[in-house]
Amino acid sequence: MFYGTGGLAYGRTNVNSTLTDNILLTSLNSQSSSEKAGWVAGFGVEYLLRPNLIVNLGYQYVDLGTTSLVASSPGGVLNQSVNARGQFQEVSVGLSWLFPAAGPVAVDRPKYAKAPAAVAPWSGFYAGGHAGGAWGNSTSASYSDTAIFVSDVRFKRDITLLGRRDDGLGIYSYRYLWSETVYVGAMAQEVALIHPDAVARDPLTGYLGVDYARLGLRPVTQEE
């Protein structure tokens, strides 16, 4: 016997994401959890091995929709937006034993023949079990630093001028507000005056970053 299934699915979805910047030595850990309603559909087959023994093979697809996560670290240094599809598939196999109802099994008889009350061959009680496995969608992401480094003076402390280049750009040592590591680099506000093409502004926060490649430099730690 072949059959199909379908209906409402309900469950909880969880999204966990960690974004780490190895240059700024800061990270953003975020989590989103929600109850979701979706749908399920499947099909299967049952086969009568013996008069009382039935084997079953079934498949189901469950879809709980999309779970979203949007998060920012203090000051907007790190930002992430995640959309993950909550879906999984399941395959199971099972065995059932039929305890037939009392009475003769219904068979074709001449209309004039008398016969006791009959029961259908599938009538009765069933007992059995199912086993199987499930797998969901594999969602992964990779992150990499771009040439734009957060260099806004509002993120920095302990700023000390070390010297100036021929073009007048100052080279400073400083610490970020969230780190004890001492860096050597430029101030974005000063770069904007001398090399405006090497500065990018975050449209949401207004903070400035520096494209060090355009300056022929790279930010380093004092140990370097």
N, C-alpha and C. Protein backbone atom coordinates (compact mmCIF):
# COMPACT_ATOMS: atom_id res chain seq x y z
N MET A 1 0.84 -1.18 0.00
CA MET A 1 0.00 0.00 0.00
C MET A 1 0.88 1.24 0.00
N PHE A 2 0.66 2.14 -0.94
CA PHE A 2 1.36 3.42 -1.00
C PHE A 2 0.47 4.50 -0.39
N TYR A 3 1.07 5.46 0.27
CA TYR A 3 0.28 6.51 0.91
C TYR A 3 1.06 7.82 0.95
N GLY A 4 0.35 8.91 1.14
CA GLY A 4 0.96 10.23 1.28
C GLY A 4 0.49 10.88 2.57
N THR A 5 1.31 11.79 3.11
CA THR A 5 0.97 12.49 4.34
C THR A 5 1.20 13.99 4.14
N GLY A 6 0.56 14.79 4.94
CA GLY A 6 0.75 16.24 4.89
C GLY A 6 0.04 16.89 6.06
N GLY A 7 0.55 18.06 6.48
CA GLY A 7 -0.10 18.74 7.58
C GLY A 7 0.73 19.87 8.14
N LEU A 8 0.39 20.26 9.38
CA LEU A 8 1.02 21.36 10.08
C LEU A 8 2.22 20.87 10.89
N ALA A 9 3.29 21.64 10.86
CA ALA A 9 4.48 21.34 11.66
C ALA A 9 4.71 22.50 12.63
N TYR A 10 5.25 22.17 13.81
CA TYR A 10 5.48 23.19 14.83
C TYR A 10 6.75 22.84 15.60
N GLY A 11 7.57 23.83 15.85
CA GLY A 11 8.80 23.56 16.59
C GLY A 11 9.56 24.83 16.89
N ARG A 12 10.68 24.68 17.58
CA ARG A 12 11.55 25.80 17.94
C ARG A 12 12.81 25.77 17.09
N THR A 13 13.18 26.93 16.56
CA THR A 13 14.41 27.05 15.78
C THR A 13 15.40 27.93 16.54
N ASN A 14 16.67 27.60 16.41
CA ASN A 14 17.73 28.35 17.07
C ASN A 14 18.83 28.68 16.07
N VAL A 15 19.30 29.91 16.12
CA VAL A 15 20.42 30.33 15.29
C VAL A 15 21.48 30.92 16.22
N ASN A 16 22.70 30.40 16.13
CA ASN A 16 23.83 30.90 16.90
C ASN A 16 24.92 31.33 15.93
N SER A 17 25.47 32.51 16.15
CA SER A 17 26.49 33.02 15.24
C SER A 17 27.57 33.74 16.03
N THR A 18 28.81 33.50 15.64
CA THR A 18 29.95 34.18 16.25
C THR A 18 30.81 34.80 15.15
N LEU A 19 31.05 36.09 15.26
CA LEU A 19 31.88 36.81 14.31
C LEU A 19 33.07 37.38 15.07
N THR A 20 34.27 37.04 14.63
CA THR A 20 35.49 37.47 15.31
C THR A 20 36.38 38.26 14.37
N ASP A 21 36.88 39.37 14.87
CA ASP A 21 37.84 40.17 14.13
C ASP A 21 39.19 40.02 14.81
N ASN A 22 40.10 39.32 14.16
CA ASN A 22 41.41 39.07 14.76
C ASN A 22 42.32 40.28 14.74
N ILE A 23 41.96 41.29 13.98
CA ILE A 23 42.77 42.50 13.94
C ILE A 23 42.40 43.43 15.09
N LEU A 24 41.09 43.60 15.30
CA LEU A 24 40.63 44.47 16.38
C LEU A 24 40.49 43.72 17.70
N LEU A 25 40.72 42.41 17.68
CA LEU A 25 40.65 41.58 18.88
C LEU A 25 39.31 41.74 19.58
N THR A 26 38.24 41.69 18.82
CA THR A 26 36.91 41.75 19.39
C THR A 26 36.02 40.75 18.67
N SER A 27 34.95 40.34 19.31
CA SER A 27 34.04 39.37 18.70
C SER A 27 32.60 39.72 19.03
N LEU A 28 31.70 39.17 18.25
CA LEU A 28 30.27 39.39 18.42
C LEU A 28 29.58 38.04 18.45
N ASN A 29 29.02 37.69 19.61
CA ASN A 29 28.29 36.43 19.77
C ASN A 29 26.80 36.74 19.84
N SER A 30 26.02 36.12 18.98
CA SER A 30 24.60 36.41 18.89
C SER A 30 23.79 35.13 18.82
N GLN A 31 22.55 35.20 19.29
CA GLN A 31 21.65 34.05 19.27
C GLN A 31 20.23 34.52 19.04
N SER A 32 19.49 33.74 18.30
CA SER A 32 18.08 34.01 18.06
C SER A 32 17.30 32.70 18.19
N SER A 33 16.20 32.72 18.92
CA SER A 33 15.39 31.53 19.13
C SER A 33 13.92 31.92 19.01
N SER A 34 13.13 31.10 18.35
CA SER A 34 11.71 31.43 18.19
C SER A 34 10.90 30.17 17.92
N GLU A 35 9.64 30.24 18.31
CA GLU A 35 8.69 29.17 18.00
C GLU A 35 8.16 29.40 16.59
N LYS A 36 8.17 28.37 15.77
CA LYS A 36 7.79 28.52 14.37
C LYS A 36 6.74 27.49 13.99
N ALA A 37 5.83 27.90 13.14
CA ALA A 37 4.85 26.99 12.55
C ALA A 37 5.17 26.85 11.07
N GLY A 38 5.05 25.65 10.56
CA GLY A 38 5.35 25.40 9.16
C GLY A 38 4.50 24.27 8.62
N TRP A 39 5.05 23.51 7.73
CA TRP A 39 4.30 22.43 7.09
C TRP A 39 5.17 21.19 6.96
N VAL A 40 4.49 20.07 6.79
CA VAL A 40 5.18 18.79 6.63
C VAL A 40 4.47 18.01 5.53
N ALA A 41 5.22 17.30 4.71
CA ALA A 41 4.67 16.45 3.66
C ALA A 41 5.56 15.22 3.52
N GLY A 42 4.95 14.14 3.11
CA GLY A 42 5.73 12.92 2.96
C GLY A 42 4.97 11.83 2.22
N PHE A 43 5.61 10.69 2.13
CA PHE A 43 4.99 9.54 1.48
C PHE A 43 5.60 8.28 2.08
N GLY A 44 5.00 7.16 1.78
CA GLY A 44 5.52 5.91 2.31
C GLY A 44 4.89 4.71 1.64
N VAL A 45 5.35 3.53 2.07
CA VAL A 45 4.81 2.29 1.53
C VAL A 45 4.76 1.27 2.67
N GLU A 46 3.69 0.48 2.68
CA GLU A 46 3.56 -0.62 3.62
C GLU A 46 3.44 -1.92 2.83
N TYR A 47 4.12 -2.96 3.33
CA TYR A 47 4.12 -4.23 2.60
C TYR A 47 3.84 -5.35 3.59
N LEU A 48 2.94 -6.23 3.21
CA LEU A 48 2.56 -7.36 4.05
C LEU A 48 3.54 -8.50 3.83
N LEU A 49 4.44 -8.69 4.80
CA LEU A 49 5.40 -9.78 4.70
C LEU A 49 4.76 -11.14 4.96
N ARG A 50 3.92 -11.15 5.99
CA ARG A 50 3.18 -12.34 6.40
C ARG A 50 1.78 -11.90 6.74
N PRO A 51 0.85 -12.81 6.92
CA PRO A 51 -0.53 -12.41 7.21
C PRO A 51 -0.67 -11.46 8.40
N ASN A 52 0.27 -11.50 9.33
CA ASN A 52 0.17 -10.64 10.50
C ASN A 52 1.35 -9.68 10.65
N LEU A 53 2.27 -9.68 9.72
CA LEU A 53 3.48 -8.86 9.85
C LEU A 53 3.58 -7.87 8.69
N ILE A 54 3.70 -6.58 9.04
CA ILE A 54 3.73 -5.50 8.04
C ILE A 54 5.01 -4.70 8.21
N VAL A 55 5.71 -4.44 7.13
CA VAL A 55 6.90 -3.60 7.15
C VAL A 55 6.53 -2.25 6.52
N ASN A 56 7.09 -1.17 7.09
CA ASN A 56 6.75 0.18 6.65
C ASN A 56 8.03 0.96 6.37
N LEU A 57 8.03 1.71 5.28
CA LEU A 57 9.12 2.63 4.94
C LEU A 57 8.51 3.98 4.63
N GLY A 58 8.95 5.03 5.37
CA GLY A 58 8.34 6.34 5.19
C GLY A 58 9.36 7.46 5.09
N TYR A 59 8.96 8.56 4.47
CA TYR A 59 9.80 9.75 4.30
C TYR A 59 8.95 10.99 4.59
N GLN A 60 9.56 11.97 5.29
CA GLN A 60 8.86 13.23 5.57
C GLN A 60 9.82 14.40 5.40
N TYR A 61 9.28 15.51 4.89
CA TYR A 61 10.01 16.76 4.77
C TYR A 61 9.30 17.79 5.64
N VAL A 62 10.05 18.42 6.54
CA VAL A 62 9.49 19.40 7.47
C VAL A 62 10.13 20.76 7.21
N ASP A 63 9.31 21.79 7.05
CA ASP A 63 9.81 23.14 6.78
C ASP A 63 9.20 24.10 7.79
N LEU A 64 10.08 24.76 8.61
CA LEU A 64 9.63 25.70 9.63
C LEU A 64 9.93 27.15 9.26
N GLY A 65 10.21 27.41 8.00
CA GLY A 65 10.42 28.78 7.55
C GLY A 65 11.80 29.31 7.88
N THR A 66 11.96 30.62 7.79
CA THR A 66 13.25 31.28 7.95
C THR A 66 13.36 31.94 9.31
N THR A 67 14.48 31.76 9.97
CA THR A 67 14.80 32.45 11.21
C THR A 67 15.89 33.47 10.94
N SER A 68 15.69 34.71 11.39
CA SER A 68 16.62 35.79 11.10
C SER A 68 17.31 36.27 12.37
N LEU A 69 18.51 36.79 12.20
CA LEU A 69 19.29 37.33 13.31
C LEU A 69 20.03 38.57 12.80
N VAL A 70 19.86 39.68 13.50
CA VAL A 70 20.58 40.91 13.19
C VAL A 70 21.19 41.42 14.49
N ALA A 71 22.49 41.68 14.49
CA ALA A 71 23.16 42.10 15.72
C ALA A 71 24.33 43.02 15.39
N SER A 72 24.66 43.88 16.35
CA SER A 72 25.79 44.79 16.23
C SER A 72 26.51 44.86 17.57
N SER A 73 27.82 44.99 17.51
CA SER A 73 28.59 45.18 18.73
C SER A 73 28.53 46.65 19.14
N PRO A 74 28.89 47.00 20.36
CA PRO A 74 28.85 48.40 20.80
C PRO A 74 29.63 49.30 19.85
N GLY A 75 28.99 50.38 19.46
CA GLY A 75 29.65 51.30 18.54
C GLY A 75 29.56 50.89 17.09
N GLY A 76 28.93 49.75 16.81
CA GLY A 76 28.81 49.29 15.44
C GLY A 76 30.10 48.81 14.81
N VAL A 77 31.07 48.39 15.66
CA VAL A 77 32.35 47.92 15.12
C VAL A 77 32.14 46.67 14.27
N LEU A 78 31.34 45.74 14.77
CA LEU A 78 31.01 44.52 14.03
C LEU A 78 29.51 44.45 13.84
N ASN A 79 29.10 44.05 12.66
CA ASN A 79 27.68 43.91 12.35
C ASN A 79 27.48 42.59 11.61
N GLN A 80 26.39 41.93 11.91
CA GLN A 80 26.09 40.70 11.18
C GLN A 80 24.59 40.55 10.98
N SER A 81 24.24 39.96 9.87
CA SER A 81 22.85 39.67 9.54
C SER A 81 22.79 38.24 9.01
N VAL A 82 21.97 37.41 9.64
CA VAL A 82 21.91 35.99 9.31
C VAL A 82 20.47 35.60 9.01
N ASN A 83 20.28 34.83 7.96
CA ASN A 83 18.99 34.23 7.64
C ASN A 83 19.22 32.74 7.42
N ALA A 84 18.55 31.92 8.23
CA ALA A 84 18.74 30.46 8.14
C ALA A 84 17.39 29.78 7.96
N ARG A 85 17.35 28.81 7.08
CA ARG A 85 16.13 28.06 6.79
C ARG A 85 16.01 26.89 7.76
N GLY A 86 14.92 26.81 8.48
CA GLY A 86 14.70 25.71 9.41
C GLY A 86 13.96 24.57 8.73
N GLN A 87 14.69 23.63 8.19
CA GLN A 87 14.06 22.48 7.52
C GLN A 87 14.87 21.23 7.78
N PHE A 88 14.18 20.10 7.79
CA PHE A 88 14.89 18.83 7.91
C PHE A 88 14.07 17.74 7.24
N GLN A 89 14.72 16.63 6.96
CA GLN A 89 14.10 15.48 6.32
C GLN A 89 14.28 14.26 7.21
N GLU A 90 13.33 13.36 7.12
CA GLU A 90 13.34 12.19 8.01
C GLU A 90 12.94 10.95 7.23
N VAL A 91 13.66 9.88 7.47
CA VAL A 91 13.35 8.57 6.88
C VAL A 91 13.24 7.56 8.01
N SER A 92 12.21 6.73 7.96
CA SER A 92 12.03 5.74 9.02
C SER A 92 11.59 4.42 8.42
N VAL A 93 11.88 3.35 9.16
CA VAL A 93 11.45 2.02 8.78
C VAL A 93 10.84 1.37 10.03
N GLY A 94 9.81 0.60 9.85
CA GLY A 94 9.16 0.02 11.01
C GLY A 94 8.52 -1.32 10.71
N LEU A 95 8.19 -2.01 11.79
CA LEU A 95 7.48 -3.29 11.70
C LEU A 95 6.24 -3.20 12.58
N SER A 96 5.14 -3.75 12.10
CA SER A 96 3.90 -3.79 12.86
C SER A 96 3.34 -5.21 12.85
N TRP A 97 2.80 -5.61 13.99
CA TRP A 97 2.16 -6.92 14.11
C TRP A 97 0.66 -6.71 14.27
N LEU A 98 -0.11 -7.42 13.46
CA LEU A 98 -1.56 -7.29 13.48
C LEU A 98 -2.17 -8.38 14.36
N PHE A 99 -2.97 -7.93 15.33
CA PHE A 99 -3.80 -8.84 16.11
C PHE A 99 -5.21 -8.73 15.54
N PRO A 100 -5.58 -9.67 14.66
CA PRO A 100 -6.84 -9.50 13.92
C PRO A 100 -8.05 -9.56 14.85
N ALA A 101 -9.11 -8.88 14.39
CA ALA A 101 -10.37 -8.91 15.14
C ALA A 101 -10.97 -10.31 15.04
N ALA A 102 -11.75 -10.67 16.03
CA ALA A 102 -12.40 -11.99 16.04
C ALA A 102 -13.41 -12.09 14.91
N GLY A 103 -13.53 -13.28 14.33
CA GLY A 103 -14.51 -13.49 13.28
C GLY A 103 -13.84 -13.86 11.98
N PRO A 104 -14.59 -14.41 11.06
CA PRO A 104 -14.02 -14.81 9.77
C PRO A 104 -13.68 -13.61 8.92
N VAL A 105 -12.70 -13.80 8.07
CA VAL A 105 -12.30 -12.73 7.17
C VAL A 105 -13.30 -12.66 6.02
N ALA A 106 -13.60 -11.41 5.60
CA ALA A 106 -14.57 -11.22 4.52
C ALA A 106 -14.00 -11.74 3.20
N VAL A 107 -14.80 -12.52 2.48
CA VAL A 107 -14.41 -13.03 1.16
C VAL A 107 -15.60 -12.88 0.23
N ASP A 108 -15.32 -12.98 -1.06
CA ASP A 108 -16.41 -12.90 -2.03
C ASP A 108 -17.23 -14.19 -1.98
N ARG A 109 -18.51 -14.05 -1.84
CA ARG A 109 -19.43 -15.18 -1.80
C ARG A 109 -20.61 -14.90 -2.72
N PRO A 110 -21.26 -15.96 -3.18
CA PRO A 110 -22.50 -15.74 -3.95
C PRO A 110 -23.51 -14.98 -3.10
N LYS A 111 -24.30 -14.15 -3.74
CA LYS A 111 -25.25 -13.31 -3.02
C LYS A 111 -26.24 -14.15 -2.20
N TYR A 112 -26.57 -15.36 -2.69
CA TYR A 112 -27.58 -16.16 -1.99
C TYR A 112 -26.98 -16.98 -0.85
N ALA A 113 -25.61 -17.02 -0.77
CA ALA A 113 -24.99 -17.85 0.26
C ALA A 113 -25.05 -17.15 1.60
N LYS A 114 -25.36 -17.90 2.63
CA LYS A 114 -25.37 -17.34 3.98
C LYS A 114 -23.97 -17.45 4.58
N ALA A 115 -23.60 -16.42 5.28
CA ALA A 115 -22.26 -16.40 5.90
C ALA A 115 -22.34 -15.60 7.19
N PRO A 116 -21.55 -15.98 8.16
CA PRO A 116 -21.53 -15.22 9.40
C PRO A 116 -20.96 -13.83 9.18
N ALA A 117 -21.18 -12.94 10.13
CA ALA A 117 -20.66 -11.58 10.04
C ALA A 117 -19.15 -11.64 9.86
N ALA A 118 -18.68 -10.91 8.87
CA ALA A 118 -17.25 -10.96 8.53
C ALA A 118 -16.58 -9.65 8.88
N VAL A 119 -15.28 -9.72 9.02
CA VAL A 119 -14.48 -8.53 9.31
C VAL A 119 -13.48 -8.34 8.18
N ALA A 120 -13.07 -7.10 7.98
CA ALA A 120 -12.08 -6.80 6.95
C ALA A 120 -10.73 -7.39 7.34
N PRO A 121 -9.88 -7.76 6.36
CA PRO A 121 -8.61 -8.41 6.68
C PRO A 121 -7.63 -7.51 7.44
N TRP A 122 -7.83 -6.18 7.40
CA TRP A 122 -6.91 -5.29 8.12
C TRP A 122 -7.47 -4.85 9.48
N SER A 123 -8.64 -5.34 9.84
CA SER A 123 -9.25 -4.94 11.11
C SER A 123 -8.53 -5.59 12.28
N GLY A 124 -8.47 -4.89 13.39
CA GLY A 124 -7.86 -5.42 14.60
C GLY A 124 -6.94 -4.42 15.26
N PHE A 125 -6.07 -4.90 16.12
CA PHE A 125 -5.12 -4.06 16.85
C PHE A 125 -3.72 -4.25 16.26
N TYR A 126 -2.95 -3.16 16.27
CA TYR A 126 -1.59 -3.20 15.74
C TYR A 126 -0.61 -2.83 16.86
N ALA A 127 0.54 -3.46 16.85
CA ALA A 127 1.62 -3.11 17.76
C ALA A 127 2.93 -3.20 16.98
N GLY A 128 3.82 -2.26 17.22
CA GLY A 128 5.09 -2.27 16.50
C GLY A 128 5.96 -1.10 16.89
N GLY A 129 6.93 -0.83 16.08
CA GLY A 129 7.85 0.26 16.35
C GLY A 129 8.52 0.75 15.08
N HIS A 130 9.06 1.98 15.15
CA HIS A 130 9.75 2.58 14.02
C HIS A 130 11.13 3.07 14.47
N ALA A 131 12.06 3.07 13.56
CA ALA A 131 13.40 3.63 13.79
C ALA A 131 13.83 4.32 12.50
N GLY A 132 14.67 5.32 12.66
CA GLY A 132 15.12 6.04 11.47
C GLY A 132 16.09 7.14 11.82
N GLY A 133 16.24 8.05 10.91
CA GLY A 133 17.17 9.17 11.10
C GLY A 133 16.67 10.40 10.39
N ALA A 134 17.23 11.55 10.78
CA ALA A 134 16.85 12.83 10.18
C ALA A 134 18.09 13.65 9.91
N TRP A 135 18.02 14.53 8.92
CA TRP A 135 19.11 15.44 8.63
C TRP A 135 18.51 16.77 8.16
N GLY A 136 19.18 17.85 8.50
CA GLY A 136 18.69 19.17 8.13
C GLY A 136 19.62 19.85 7.15
N ASN A 137 19.23 21.09 6.80
CA ASN A 137 20.07 21.83 5.87
C ASN A 137 21.37 22.23 6.55
N SER A 138 22.44 22.21 5.79
CA SER A 138 23.75 22.57 6.32
C SER A 138 24.01 24.03 5.98
N THR A 139 24.07 24.87 7.01
CA THR A 139 24.27 26.29 6.81
C THR A 139 25.62 26.68 7.38
N SER A 140 26.47 27.22 6.56
CA SER A 140 27.78 27.65 7.03
C SER A 140 28.15 28.97 6.37
N ALA A 141 29.06 29.69 7.00
CA ALA A 141 29.49 30.98 6.45
C ALA A 141 30.95 31.18 6.80
N SER A 142 31.64 31.92 5.96
CA SER A 142 33.03 32.28 6.25
C SER A 142 33.13 33.80 6.24
N TYR A 143 33.95 34.32 7.12
CA TYR A 143 34.13 35.75 7.24
C TYR A 143 35.59 36.10 7.01
N SER A 144 35.83 37.23 6.42
CA SER A 144 37.21 37.68 6.22
C SER A 144 37.27 39.19 6.36
N ASP A 145 38.39 39.69 6.85
CA ASP A 145 38.59 41.13 6.98
C ASP A 145 38.85 41.73 5.60
N THR A 146 38.29 42.91 5.37
CA THR A 146 38.56 43.63 4.13
C THR A 146 39.70 44.61 4.39
N ALA A 147 40.01 45.40 3.38
CA ALA A 147 41.08 46.39 3.54
C ALA A 147 40.64 47.58 4.38
N ILE A 148 39.34 47.67 4.69
CA ILE A 148 38.84 48.79 5.48
C ILE A 148 38.93 48.43 6.95
N PHE A 149 39.73 49.19 7.70
CA PHE A 149 39.91 48.96 9.12
C PHE A 149 39.26 50.09 9.90
N VAL A 150 38.59 49.72 10.99
CA VAL A 150 37.98 50.73 11.85
C VAL A 150 39.10 51.60 12.42
N SER A 151 39.06 52.88 12.11
CA SER A 151 40.14 53.77 12.54
C SER A 151 39.60 55.08 13.06
N ASP A 152 38.32 55.11 13.40
CA ASP A 152 37.69 56.31 13.92
C ASP A 152 38.29 56.65 15.28
N VAL A 153 38.65 57.91 15.47
CA VAL A 153 39.28 58.35 16.72
C VAL A 153 38.35 58.14 17.91
N ARG A 154 37.05 58.06 17.68
CA ARG A 154 36.10 57.86 18.78
C ARG A 154 36.18 56.46 19.38
N PHE A 155 36.86 55.54 18.70
CA PHE A 155 37.05 54.19 19.22
C PHE A 155 38.39 54.03 19.95
N LYS A 156 39.16 55.08 20.03
CA LYS A 156 40.54 54.93 20.49
C LYS A 156 40.81 55.72 21.77
N ARG A 157 41.85 55.29 22.48
CA ARG A 157 42.29 55.96 23.69
C ARG A 157 43.82 55.88 23.77
N ASP A 158 44.40 56.61 24.69
CA ASP A 158 45.86 56.62 24.87
C ASP A 158 46.57 56.93 23.55
N ILE A 159 46.05 57.92 22.84
CA ILE A 159 46.59 58.26 21.51
C ILE A 159 47.87 59.08 21.67
N THR A 160 48.94 58.64 20.99
CA THR A 160 50.23 59.33 21.06
C THR A 160 50.79 59.48 19.65
N LEU A 161 51.15 60.70 19.28
CA LEU A 161 51.74 60.94 17.97
C LEU A 161 53.18 60.45 17.95
N LEU A 162 53.51 59.58 16.99
CA LEU A 162 54.86 59.04 16.86
C LEU A 162 55.68 59.77 15.81
N GLY A 163 55.03 60.36 14.83
CA GLY A 163 55.73 61.08 13.76
C GLY A 163 54.78 61.35 12.62
N ARG A 164 55.28 62.05 11.60
CA ARG A 164 54.46 62.38 10.44
C ARG A 164 55.18 62.00 9.16
N ARG A 165 54.38 61.58 8.20
CA ARG A 165 54.92 61.26 6.88
C ARG A 165 55.18 62.54 6.11
N ASP A 166 55.78 62.40 4.91
CA ASP A 166 56.06 63.56 4.07
C ASP A 166 54.79 64.29 3.65
N ASP A 167 53.67 63.53 3.54
CA ASP A 167 52.41 64.17 3.15
C ASP A 167 51.69 64.80 4.32
N GLY A 168 52.27 64.74 5.51
CA GLY A 168 51.67 65.36 6.68
C GLY A 168 50.80 64.45 7.49
N LEU A 169 50.61 63.21 7.04
CA LEU A 169 49.75 62.27 7.77
C LEU A 169 50.47 61.79 9.02
N GLY A 170 49.80 61.91 10.16
CA GLY A 170 50.38 61.49 11.41
C GLY A 170 50.29 59.99 11.62
N ILE A 171 51.31 59.41 12.23
CA ILE A 171 51.32 58.01 12.62
C ILE A 171 51.27 57.98 14.14
N TYR A 172 50.30 57.23 14.68
CA TYR A 172 50.03 57.26 16.11
C TYR A 172 50.09 55.86 16.71
N SER A 173 50.34 55.84 18.01
CA SER A 173 50.09 54.62 18.79
C SER A 173 48.82 54.84 19.58
N TYR A 174 48.06 53.78 19.81
CA TYR A 174 46.76 53.93 20.48
C TYR A 174 46.26 52.57 20.93
N ARG A 175 45.26 52.58 21.76
CA ARG A 175 44.51 51.39 22.15
C ARG A 175 43.06 51.60 21.77
N TYR A 176 42.40 50.50 21.39
CA TYR A 176 40.96 50.56 21.21
C TYR A 176 40.28 50.52 22.57
N LEU A 177 39.06 51.02 22.63
CA LEU A 177 38.35 51.12 23.90
C LEU A 177 38.14 49.75 24.54
N TRP A 178 38.07 48.71 23.74
CA TRP A 178 37.76 47.37 24.24
C TRP A 178 38.99 46.47 24.35
N SER A 179 40.18 47.01 24.14
CA SER A 179 41.37 46.18 24.10
C SER A 179 42.54 46.87 24.79
N GLU A 180 43.44 46.06 25.35
CA GLU A 180 44.66 46.58 25.96
C GLU A 180 45.84 46.54 24.99
N THR A 181 45.65 45.97 23.82
CA THR A 181 46.72 45.88 22.83
C THR A 181 47.03 47.27 22.27
N VAL A 182 48.31 47.58 22.14
CA VAL A 182 48.74 48.86 21.57
C VAL A 182 48.93 48.70 20.07
N TYR A 183 48.27 49.58 19.29
CA TYR A 183 48.37 49.55 17.84
C TYR A 183 49.13 50.77 17.35
N VAL A 184 49.63 50.67 16.12
CA VAL A 184 50.26 51.79 15.43
C VAL A 184 49.55 51.96 14.11
N GLY A 185 49.02 53.15 13.88
CA GLY A 185 48.27 53.40 12.66
C GLY A 185 47.88 54.85 12.55
N ALA A 186 46.85 55.10 11.75
CA ALA A 186 46.42 56.46 11.47
C ALA A 186 45.06 56.73 12.09
N MET A 187 44.71 58.02 12.16
CA MET A 187 43.39 58.44 12.62
C MET A 187 42.52 58.73 11.41
N ALA A 188 41.34 58.13 11.36
CA ALA A 188 40.49 58.26 10.18
C ALA A 188 40.13 59.71 9.90
N GLN A 189 39.87 60.51 10.95
CA GLN A 189 39.49 61.90 10.74
C GLN A 189 40.61 62.69 10.06
N GLU A 190 41.85 62.36 10.41
CA GLU A 190 42.98 63.05 9.79
C GLU A 190 43.19 62.56 8.36
N VAL A 191 43.03 61.25 8.14
CA VAL A 191 43.16 60.71 6.79
C VAL A 191 42.13 61.34 5.86
N ALA A 192 40.92 61.61 6.39
CA ALA A 192 39.85 62.19 5.58
C ALA A 192 40.22 63.57 5.05
N LEU A 193 41.08 64.29 5.76
CA LEU A 193 41.49 65.62 5.33
C LEU A 193 42.59 65.57 4.28
N ILE A 194 43.44 64.55 4.36
CA ILE A 194 44.60 64.48 3.47
C ILE A 194 44.36 63.54 2.30
N HIS A 195 43.75 62.39 2.57
CA HIS A 195 43.47 61.38 1.53
C HIS A 195 42.01 60.94 1.65
N PRO A 196 41.06 61.78 1.27
CA PRO A 196 39.63 61.43 1.44
C PRO A 196 39.22 60.17 0.69
N ASP A 197 39.97 59.81 -0.37
CA ASP A 197 39.63 58.60 -1.13
C ASP A 197 39.95 57.33 -0.35
N ALA A 198 40.71 57.44 0.74
CA ALA A 198 41.10 56.27 1.53
C ALA A 198 40.23 56.08 2.76
N VAL A 199 39.11 56.81 2.84
CA VAL A 199 38.23 56.75 4.01
C VAL A 199 36.85 56.28 3.58
N ALA A 200 36.28 55.39 4.37
CA ALA A 200 34.91 54.92 4.15
C ALA A 200 34.09 55.23 5.39
N ARG A 201 32.85 55.63 5.20
CA ARG A 201 31.95 55.96 6.30
C ARG A 201 30.83 54.92 6.37
N ASP A 202 30.61 54.36 7.55
CA ASP A 202 29.51 53.43 7.73
C ASP A 202 28.19 54.20 7.61
N PRO A 203 27.32 53.82 6.66
CA PRO A 203 26.08 54.59 6.45
C PRO A 203 25.11 54.53 7.63
N LEU A 204 25.24 53.51 8.47
CA LEU A 204 24.31 53.38 9.59
C LEU A 204 24.81 54.10 10.83
N THR A 205 26.09 53.98 11.14
CA THR A 205 26.62 54.55 12.39
C THR A 205 27.36 55.86 12.18
N GLY A 206 27.86 56.11 10.96
CA GLY A 206 28.64 57.31 10.71
C GLY A 206 30.10 57.19 11.10
N TYR A 207 30.52 56.04 11.60
CA TYR A 207 31.92 55.87 11.99
C TYR A 207 32.78 55.67 10.75
N LEU A 208 34.06 56.07 10.89
CA LEU A 208 34.97 56.06 9.76
C LEU A 208 35.93 54.89 9.81
N GLY A 209 36.27 54.37 8.64
CA GLY A 209 37.28 53.35 8.50
C GLY A 209 38.30 53.77 7.47
N VAL A 210 39.48 53.19 7.51
CA VAL A 210 40.58 53.58 6.62
C VAL A 210 40.97 52.41 5.73
N ASP A 211 41.13 52.68 4.44
CA ASP A 211 41.67 51.71 3.50
C ASP A 211 43.18 51.88 3.50
N TYR A 212 43.87 51.10 4.32
CA TYR A 212 45.32 51.26 4.47
C TYR A 212 46.08 50.92 3.20
N ALA A 213 45.49 50.09 2.35
CA ALA A 213 46.16 49.75 1.10
C ALA A 213 46.37 50.99 0.23
N ARG A 214 45.44 51.91 0.28
CA ARG A 214 45.57 53.16 -0.50
C ARG A 214 46.65 54.07 0.07
N LEU A 215 46.96 53.88 1.33
CA LEU A 215 48.00 54.69 1.95
C LEU A 215 49.37 54.04 1.87
N GLY A 216 49.41 52.79 1.40
CA GLY A 216 50.66 52.05 1.37
C GLY A 216 51.10 51.63 2.76
N LEU A 217 50.13 51.48 3.69
CA LEU A 217 50.42 51.12 5.07
C LEU A 217 49.55 49.95 5.49
N ARG A 218 49.81 49.46 6.66
CA ARG A 218 48.90 48.53 7.32
C ARG A 218 49.01 48.77 8.83
N PRO A 219 47.89 48.66 9.56
CA PRO A 219 47.95 48.83 11.00
C PRO A 219 48.66 47.64 11.64
N VAL A 220 49.51 47.92 12.62
CA VAL A 220 50.26 46.85 13.28
C VAL A 220 50.15 47.03 14.78
N THR A 221 50.44 45.96 15.51
CA THR A 221 50.54 46.07 16.95
C THR A 221 51.95 46.51 17.31
N GLN A 222 52.11 47.05 18.48
CA GLN A 222 53.41 47.56 18.88
C GLN A 222 54.46 46.44 18.91
N GLU A 223 54.01 45.19 19.17
CA GLU A 223 54.94 44.07 19.19
C GLU A 223 55.51 43.79 17.81
N GLU A 224 54.75 44.13 16.77
CA GLU A 224 55.23 43.89 15.40
C GLU A 224 56.28 44.89 15.00
